[in-house]
Amino acid sequence: MHSQTSDKSFTLTDRNMRPSFLPRLVNGPFDDPGLFVPLTFQKRALLFDLGDLHNLSPGNLLKTNHVFVSHTHMDHFIGFDQLLRLLLGRAVNLHIYGPSGFLANVIGKLNAYTWNLVQNFQEALTLTATEIQSAQRITQIFNCANGFTPSDPVVETGQEPVIYNAPALQVRTQILDHHIACLGFAVQERFHINILKTKVAELGLAAGPWVSRFKELVYQGVDPSTEINVPTVEDNKAVRVFSLAALSKKIARITPGQKLAYITDAVYSNANQEKIINLALDADQLFIEAAFLEEDRQTAMDKYHLTAYQAGTLARKARVRTMTIFHHSPRYHGQGHLLEQEARRAYEGS
């Protein structure tokens, strides 16, 4: 169990498999919460929470096309303005998700600025914002070209926990109690495609964009007889033609997908425990808040946060492989090791 921002806390059951997600906390454990999840071999990333984003480079922020906001307390949402400023004038469609009341908060942010010059931009940013409620989702679109005037809301009814579906992964959520609605999240890779480089070399195939295309076709579940052209090492203009099924059998190994969970700002109630354990169950890595020490349990309860011991207990019950704690109360500055020790004891069942 780790409470650092380093990637080194991540573990894999199959150590020969390069992970598809390389998650890292945006800030230190005493600073604004946030989790940045770049997707390996793809020029895109997921971002969980919008606190202070200055530790992320503009290049990393530009990879971000889906943002998942737990709630809109300032330390989780103040970075919206920074991201908005960076994306203005770019042809980007940013998808952003949040809890009940989220659309009003987004509109309030956008209405705080004057947009009379946006027609000068050659390219227009589009925000697609979705508010997650217990029995429905509401989506509105905000386009820079018209001064971010909100579109008519589109309402989807139902309690389906999956809020984002892509060919290779999905994001699920649960509505937690923080004295307001607060979202917890899990990212699940459908399955992992491990390219066997030695087999690629034995076939005389050249590296290139075809690998990403091959993976996309497998994730999309297209007809196995679909043909794919692959350039050769000896002559890059020459190609060999394989069916998707034959190529998969020759150069790929399919293994279980990676799973991450992100939990912050939730009271230790029976309802929250059930939801958190369900969301994080068997995750490869759980990022979970540990705001207070167990000796300050009543303060944690009053403020609707978790203690380090409670965080470790939840991680153990959810059978996660690795846990990273964060979002410590500033009262423990210089005592982060105590929070880590307490969480580890609970995680190990001591």
Protein backbone atom coordinates (compact mmCIF):
# COMPACT_ATOMS: atom_id res chain seq x y z
CA MET A 1 0.00 0.00 0.00
CA HIS A 2 1.32 3.42 -0.93
CA SER A 3 0.32 7.02 -0.35
CA GLN A 4 2.74 8.55 -2.83
CA THR A 5 2.08 10.05 -6.25
CA SER A 6 4.53 7.69 -7.94
CA ASP A 7 3.42 5.11 -10.53
CA LYS A 8 5.53 2.53 -8.68
CA SER A 9 2.59 1.51 -6.50
CA PHE A 10 0.93 -0.22 -9.45
CA THR A 11 1.16 -3.99 -9.62
CA LEU A 12 0.10 -6.48 -12.25
CA THR A 13 -0.68 -10.15 -11.92
CA ASP A 14 1.15 -10.80 -15.20
CA ARG A 15 4.42 -8.86 -15.01
CA ASN A 16 5.08 -9.38 -18.73
CA MET A 17 1.97 -7.38 -19.54
CA ARG A 18 2.38 -3.66 -20.01
CA PRO A 19 -0.60 -1.95 -18.32
CA SER A 20 -3.09 -0.02 -20.41
CA PHE A 21 -3.60 2.54 -17.62
CA LEU A 22 -0.72 4.39 -15.99
CA PRO A 23 -2.52 6.31 -13.23
CA ARG A 24 -0.96 8.95 -11.02
CA LEU A 25 -2.27 11.44 -8.49
CA VAL A 26 -2.15 14.99 -9.83
CA ASN A 27 -0.94 16.42 -6.51
CA GLY A 28 0.54 15.31 -3.21
CA PRO A 29 -1.67 13.64 -0.56
CA PHE A 30 -2.17 16.93 1.33
CA ASP A 31 -3.11 18.93 -1.77
CA ASP A 32 -6.13 19.06 -4.08
CA PRO A 33 -7.44 15.62 -5.11
CA GLY A 34 -7.19 14.47 -8.70
CA LEU A 35 -6.21 11.37 -10.65
CA PHE A 36 -4.69 11.49 -14.15
CA VAL A 37 -4.99 8.28 -16.17
CA PRO A 38 -3.13 8.33 -19.50
CA LEU A 39 -3.98 5.45 -21.81
CA THR A 40 -0.94 3.54 -23.04
CA PHE A 41 -0.30 3.73 -26.81
CA GLN A 42 -3.06 6.32 -27.15
CA LYS A 43 -2.81 10.09 -27.23
CA ARG A 44 -5.61 10.53 -24.74
CA ALA A 45 -6.26 10.39 -21.03
CA LEU A 46 -8.98 10.35 -18.41
CA LEU A 47 -9.05 12.83 -15.52
CA PHE A 48 -10.83 12.37 -12.21
CA ASP A 49 -11.58 15.63 -10.37
CA LEU A 50 -10.57 19.15 -11.29
CA GLY A 51 -8.64 20.56 -8.35
CA ASP A 52 -5.41 22.48 -8.85
CA LEU A 53 -4.04 21.20 -12.20
CA HIS A 54 -0.73 23.05 -12.35
CA ASN A 55 1.24 19.83 -11.87
CA LEU A 56 -0.10 18.57 -15.20
CA SER A 57 1.65 19.87 -18.31
CA PRO A 58 -0.41 21.49 -21.07
CA GLY A 59 0.49 18.48 -23.23
CA ASN A 60 -1.06 16.11 -20.71
CA LEU A 61 -4.16 18.24 -20.29
CA LEU A 62 -4.61 18.35 -24.06
CA LYS A 63 -4.79 14.55 -24.06
CA THR A 64 -7.77 14.70 -21.72
CA ASN A 65 -11.13 14.26 -23.42
CA HIS A 66 -13.19 12.80 -20.56
CA VAL A 67 -13.33 14.32 -17.07
CA PHE A 68 -15.18 12.79 -14.12
CA VAL A 69 -15.90 15.16 -11.22
CA SER A 70 -16.80 13.65 -7.84
CA HIS A 71 -18.48 16.88 -6.64
CA THR A 72 -18.00 20.61 -6.98
CA HIS A 73 -16.40 21.65 -3.71
CA MET A 74 -13.66 24.12 -4.62
CA ASP A 75 -10.72 21.73 -4.13
CA HIS A 76 -12.33 19.34 -6.64
CA PHE A 77 -13.50 21.84 -9.26
CA ILE A 78 -11.35 24.97 -9.28
CA GLY A 79 -9.25 23.54 -12.13
CA PHE A 80 -12.23 23.76 -14.50
CA ASP A 81 -11.19 27.32 -15.35
CA GLN A 82 -7.59 26.30 -16.07
CA LEU A 83 -8.69 23.49 -18.39
CA LEU A 84 -11.24 25.72 -20.09
CA ARG A 85 -8.64 28.41 -20.76
CA LEU A 86 -6.21 25.91 -22.28
CA LEU A 87 -8.83 24.37 -24.60
CA LEU A 88 -10.31 27.62 -25.92
CA GLY A 89 -9.66 28.04 -29.63
CA ARG A 90 -9.16 24.30 -30.17
CA ALA A 91 -11.46 21.89 -31.97
CA VAL A 92 -11.99 19.71 -28.92
CA ASN A 93 -15.11 17.97 -27.62
CA LEU A 94 -14.60 17.67 -23.87
CA HIS A 95 -16.97 15.29 -22.08
CA ILE A 96 -17.43 16.09 -18.41
CA TYR A 97 -19.53 14.28 -15.80
CA GLY A 98 -20.66 15.27 -12.31
CA PRO A 99 -23.32 14.73 -9.61
CA SER A 100 -26.70 16.31 -8.96
CA GLY A 101 -26.54 20.09 -9.48
CA PHE A 102 -23.53 19.78 -11.77
CA LEU A 103 -25.08 21.44 -14.83
CA ALA A 104 -25.99 24.53 -12.83
CA ASN A 105 -22.40 24.73 -11.60
CA VAL A 106 -21.00 24.41 -15.14
CA ILE A 107 -23.38 27.09 -16.38
CA GLY A 108 -22.38 29.32 -13.48
CA LYS A 109 -18.70 28.91 -14.36
CA LEU A 110 -19.30 29.71 -18.02
CA ASN A 111 -21.55 32.66 -17.22
CA ALA A 112 -18.78 34.22 -15.12
CA TYR A 113 -16.95 35.25 -18.31
CA THR A 114 -17.72 37.46 -21.30
CA TRP A 115 -17.63 35.63 -24.64
CA ASN A 116 -18.12 38.44 -27.16
CA LEU A 117 -14.81 37.65 -28.97
CA VAL A 118 -15.17 33.91 -29.42
CA GLN A 119 -16.25 34.33 -33.04
CA ASN A 120 -12.61 35.18 -33.78
CA PHE A 121 -11.54 31.61 -33.02
CA GLN A 122 -11.06 29.49 -36.12
CA GLU A 123 -11.83 26.36 -34.11
CA ALA A 124 -14.46 25.95 -31.41
CA LEU A 125 -14.35 24.05 -28.14
CA THR A 126 -17.47 22.02 -27.30
CA LEU A 127 -18.33 20.92 -23.77
CA THR A 128 -20.68 17.97 -23.36
CA ALA A 129 -21.71 17.97 -19.69
CA THR A 130 -23.68 15.18 -18.04
CA GLU A 131 -25.29 15.33 -14.60
CA ILE A 132 -25.64 11.96 -12.86
CA GLN A 133 -28.72 11.63 -10.66
CA SER A 134 -30.10 8.58 -8.88
CA ALA A 135 -32.76 7.79 -11.50
CA GLN A 136 -31.68 9.76 -14.55
CA ARG A 137 -28.90 11.54 -16.42
CA ILE A 138 -29.19 14.97 -17.95
CA THR A 139 -26.84 16.13 -20.72
CA GLN A 140 -26.36 19.60 -22.16
CA ILE A 141 -23.93 20.80 -24.84
CA PHE A 142 -22.06 24.11 -24.65
CA ASN A 143 -20.38 25.36 -27.82
CA CYS A 144 -17.76 28.11 -27.75
CA ALA A 145 -18.94 29.37 -31.16
CA ASN A 146 -22.22 30.63 -29.68
CA GLY A 147 -20.81 31.87 -26.39
CA PHE A 148 -21.46 28.55 -24.61
CA THR A 149 -25.23 28.99 -24.76
CA PRO A 150 -26.57 25.75 -23.28
CA SER A 151 -28.46 23.37 -25.53
CA ASP A 152 -31.82 21.95 -24.52
CA PRO A 153 -31.27 19.22 -21.92
CA VAL A 154 -31.44 15.59 -22.99
CA VAL A 155 -32.76 13.30 -20.24
CA GLU A 156 -32.04 9.57 -20.02
CA THR A 157 -33.89 7.61 -17.35
CA GLY A 158 -32.52 4.58 -15.56
CA GLN A 159 -29.88 3.64 -12.98
CA GLU A 160 -27.30 1.97 -15.21
CA PRO A 161 -23.95 2.41 -13.38
CA VAL A 162 -21.93 2.60 -16.62
CA ILE A 163 -21.62 6.27 -17.58
CA TYR A 164 -18.95 5.99 -20.28
CA ASN A 165 -18.56 3.15 -22.76
CA ALA A 166 -15.63 2.87 -25.17
CA PRO A 167 -14.49 -0.16 -27.18
CA ALA A 168 -11.60 -0.87 -24.81
CA LEU A 169 -12.94 0.34 -21.46
CA GLN A 170 -15.88 1.57 -19.45
CA VAL A 171 -16.32 3.90 -16.48
CA ARG A 172 -18.83 3.06 -13.75
CA THR A 173 -20.05 5.24 -10.91
CA GLN A 174 -21.86 5.11 -7.57
CA ILE A 175 -23.51 8.04 -5.83
CA LEU A 176 -21.96 8.35 -2.37
CA ASP A 177 -23.01 10.41 0.65
CA HIS A 178 -20.79 13.39 1.51
CA HIS A 179 -23.71 15.31 3.02
CA ILE A 180 -24.22 16.08 -0.67
CA ALA A 181 -24.16 13.71 -3.63
CA CYS A 182 -20.56 12.71 -4.43
CA LEU A 183 -19.54 10.30 -7.18
CA GLY A 184 -17.11 7.42 -6.82
CA PHE A 185 -15.67 5.92 -10.02
CA ALA A 186 -14.19 2.71 -11.40
CA VAL A 187 -12.41 2.26 -14.74
CA GLN A 188 -12.50 -1.23 -16.19
CA GLU A 189 -10.56 -2.39 -19.22
CA ARG A 190 -12.72 -4.95 -21.06
CA PHE A 191 -9.72 -7.23 -21.63
CA HIS A 192 -6.04 -6.68 -22.30
CA ILE A 193 -4.42 -7.34 -25.68
CA ASN A 194 -0.75 -8.10 -25.20
CA ILE A 195 1.21 -7.97 -28.48
CA LEU A 196 3.89 -10.67 -28.63
CA LYS A 197 6.79 -8.78 -30.16
CA THR A 198 8.86 -11.90 -30.76
CA LYS A 199 6.03 -13.39 -32.83
CA VAL A 200 5.68 -10.15 -34.80
CA ALA A 201 9.41 -10.28 -35.55
CA GLU A 202 9.28 -13.96 -36.53
CA LEU A 203 6.59 -13.14 -39.09
CA GLY A 204 8.74 -10.35 -40.53
CA LEU A 205 6.12 -7.69 -39.78
CA ALA A 206 7.02 -4.04 -39.35
CA ALA A 207 5.87 -1.96 -36.39
CA GLY A 208 3.35 0.75 -37.19
CA PRO A 209 -0.18 2.12 -36.84
CA TRP A 210 -1.64 -1.22 -37.89
CA VAL A 211 -1.12 -2.46 -34.31
CA SER A 212 -3.56 0.14 -32.92
CA ARG A 213 -5.97 -0.63 -35.75
CA PHE A 214 -5.73 -4.35 -34.99
CA LYS A 215 -6.51 -3.72 -31.31
CA GLU A 216 -9.47 -1.49 -32.19
CA LEU A 217 -10.97 -4.21 -34.37
CA VAL A 218 -10.56 -6.82 -31.63
CA TYR A 219 -12.13 -4.55 -28.99
CA GLN A 220 -15.01 -3.73 -31.33
CA GLY A 221 -15.75 -7.42 -31.80
CA VAL A 222 -15.86 -7.22 -35.60
CA ASP A 223 -16.18 -10.29 -37.83
CA PRO A 224 -13.09 -12.51 -37.22
CA SER A 225 -12.78 -13.01 -40.99
CA THR A 226 -12.16 -9.26 -41.49
CA GLU A 227 -8.89 -8.80 -43.38
CA ILE A 228 -6.10 -6.56 -42.16
CA ASN A 229 -3.06 -5.45 -44.17
CA VAL A 230 0.27 -5.48 -42.35
CA PRO A 231 3.52 -4.00 -43.75
CA THR A 232 6.65 -6.14 -43.79
CA VAL A 233 10.09 -5.30 -42.44
CA GLU A 234 11.90 -5.93 -45.72
CA ASP A 235 9.62 -3.68 -47.77
CA ASN A 236 7.32 -1.33 -45.88
CA LYS A 237 5.24 -0.82 -49.01
CA ALA A 238 4.62 -4.54 -49.32
CA VAL A 239 1.91 -5.99 -47.14
CA ARG A 240 0.80 -9.35 -45.87
CA VAL A 241 -2.91 -9.97 -45.53
CA PHE A 242 -4.30 -11.75 -42.46
CA SER A 243 -7.77 -12.41 -41.19
CA LEU A 244 -8.35 -10.82 -37.81
CA ALA A 245 -8.73 -14.24 -36.20
CA ALA A 246 -5.49 -15.60 -37.73
CA LEU A 247 -3.47 -12.52 -36.80
CA SER A 248 -4.83 -12.55 -33.26
CA LYS A 249 -3.86 -16.18 -32.85
CA LYS A 250 -0.34 -15.54 -34.13
CA ILE A 251 0.70 -12.30 -32.38
CA ALA A 252 -1.63 -11.58 -29.43
CA ARG A 253 -2.39 -12.89 -25.99
CA ILE A 254 -5.70 -11.89 -24.42
CA THR A 255 -5.67 -11.48 -20.62
CA PRO A 256 -8.09 -10.04 -18.06
CA GLY A 257 -8.40 -6.26 -18.19
CA GLN A 258 -7.08 -3.77 -15.70
CA LYS A 259 -9.34 -2.10 -13.13
CA LEU A 260 -8.88 1.13 -11.17
CA ALA A 261 -11.17 2.76 -8.61
CA TYR A 262 -11.23 6.34 -7.30
CA ILE A 263 -13.03 7.17 -4.04
CA THR A 264 -12.99 10.50 -2.26
CA ASP A 265 -15.17 12.46 0.18
CA ALA A 266 -17.56 9.91 1.63
CA VAL A 267 -18.79 9.21 5.15
CA TYR A 268 -18.28 5.71 6.58
CA SER A 269 -21.93 4.64 6.53
CA ASN A 270 -23.37 1.21 5.78
CA ALA A 271 -24.77 2.43 2.46
CA ASN A 272 -21.46 3.99 1.39
CA GLN A 273 -19.49 0.90 2.43
CA GLU A 274 -21.65 -1.33 0.25
CA LYS A 275 -21.35 0.98 -2.75
CA ILE A 276 -17.58 1.49 -2.41
CA ILE A 277 -16.86 -2.23 -2.03
CA ASN A 278 -19.05 -3.00 -5.04
CA LEU A 279 -17.34 -0.34 -7.13
CA ALA A 280 -13.76 -1.26 -6.15
CA LEU A 281 -14.19 -5.04 -5.95
CA ASP A 282 -11.05 -6.88 -7.14
CA ALA A 283 -9.50 -3.66 -8.52
CA ASP A 284 -5.83 -3.71 -9.43
CA GLN A 285 -5.50 -0.34 -7.73
CA LEU A 286 -7.73 1.68 -5.44
CA PHE A 287 -7.15 5.39 -4.91
CA ILE A 288 -9.04 6.28 -1.73
CA GLU A 289 -9.15 9.26 0.57
CA ALA A 290 -7.82 8.98 4.13
CA ALA A 291 -8.62 12.36 5.60
CA PHE A 292 -8.27 11.64 9.33
CA LEU A 293 -6.70 9.27 11.83
CA GLU A 294 -8.99 6.81 13.54
CA GLU A 295 -8.52 8.64 16.85
CA ASP A 296 -10.36 11.53 15.16
CA ARG A 297 -13.15 9.29 13.90
CA GLN A 298 -15.91 11.57 15.22
CA THR A 299 -14.43 14.54 13.36
CA ALA A 300 -14.33 12.43 10.20
CA MET A 301 -17.96 11.49 10.73
CA ASP A 302 -18.98 15.10 11.30
CA LYS A 303 -17.21 16.19 8.13
CA TYR A 304 -18.42 13.19 6.08
CA HIS A 305 -14.91 11.87 5.37
CA LEU A 306 -13.05 8.58 5.87
CA THR A 307 -10.34 7.81 8.37
CA ALA A 308 -7.20 6.00 7.25
CA TYR A 309 -8.32 2.89 9.12
CA GLN A 310 -11.70 2.97 7.36
CA ALA A 311 -9.98 3.41 3.98
CA GLY A 312 -7.77 0.38 4.62
CA THR A 313 -10.74 -1.67 5.82
CA LEU A 314 -12.69 -0.89 2.65
CA ALA A 315 -9.68 -1.81 0.49
CA ARG A 316 -9.35 -5.15 2.29
CA LYS A 317 -13.05 -5.94 1.97
CA ALA A 318 -12.96 -5.05 -1.73
CA ARG A 319 -9.93 -7.36 -2.22
CA VAL A 320 -7.96 -4.71 -4.10
CA ARG A 321 -4.40 -5.58 -5.05
CA THR A 322 -2.88 -2.17 -4.35
CA MET A 323 -4.12 0.85 -2.42
CA THR A 324 -3.01 4.48 -2.60
CA ILE A 325 -4.32 6.90 0.03
CA PHE A 326 -4.61 10.65 -0.47
CA HIS A 327 -6.66 13.74 0.50
CA HIS A 328 -5.23 14.07 4.03
CA SER A 329 -6.45 16.75 6.40
CA PRO A 330 -3.87 19.57 6.76
CA ARG A 331 -3.90 18.99 10.53
CA TYR A 332 -1.58 16.02 9.89
CA HIS A 333 1.14 17.85 7.95
CA GLY A 334 4.40 16.11 8.78
CA GLN A 335 2.48 13.05 10.00
CA GLY A 336 1.52 11.44 6.72
CA HIS A 337 3.36 8.30 7.76
CA LEU A 338 0.86 7.81 10.61
CA LEU A 339 -2.04 7.82 8.16
CA GLU A 340 -0.18 5.38 5.93
CA GLN A 341 0.66 3.05 8.82
CA GLU A 342 -2.91 3.05 10.05
CA ALA A 343 -4.32 2.35 6.59
CA ARG A 344 -1.79 -0.45 6.06
CA ARG A 345 -2.73 -2.13 9.35
CA ALA A 346 -6.39 -2.16 8.37
CA TYR A 347 -5.61 -3.27 4.82
CA GLU A 348 -3.58 -6.20 6.11
CA GLY A 349 -6.20 -7.07 8.71
CA SER A 350 -3.90 -6.33 11.64
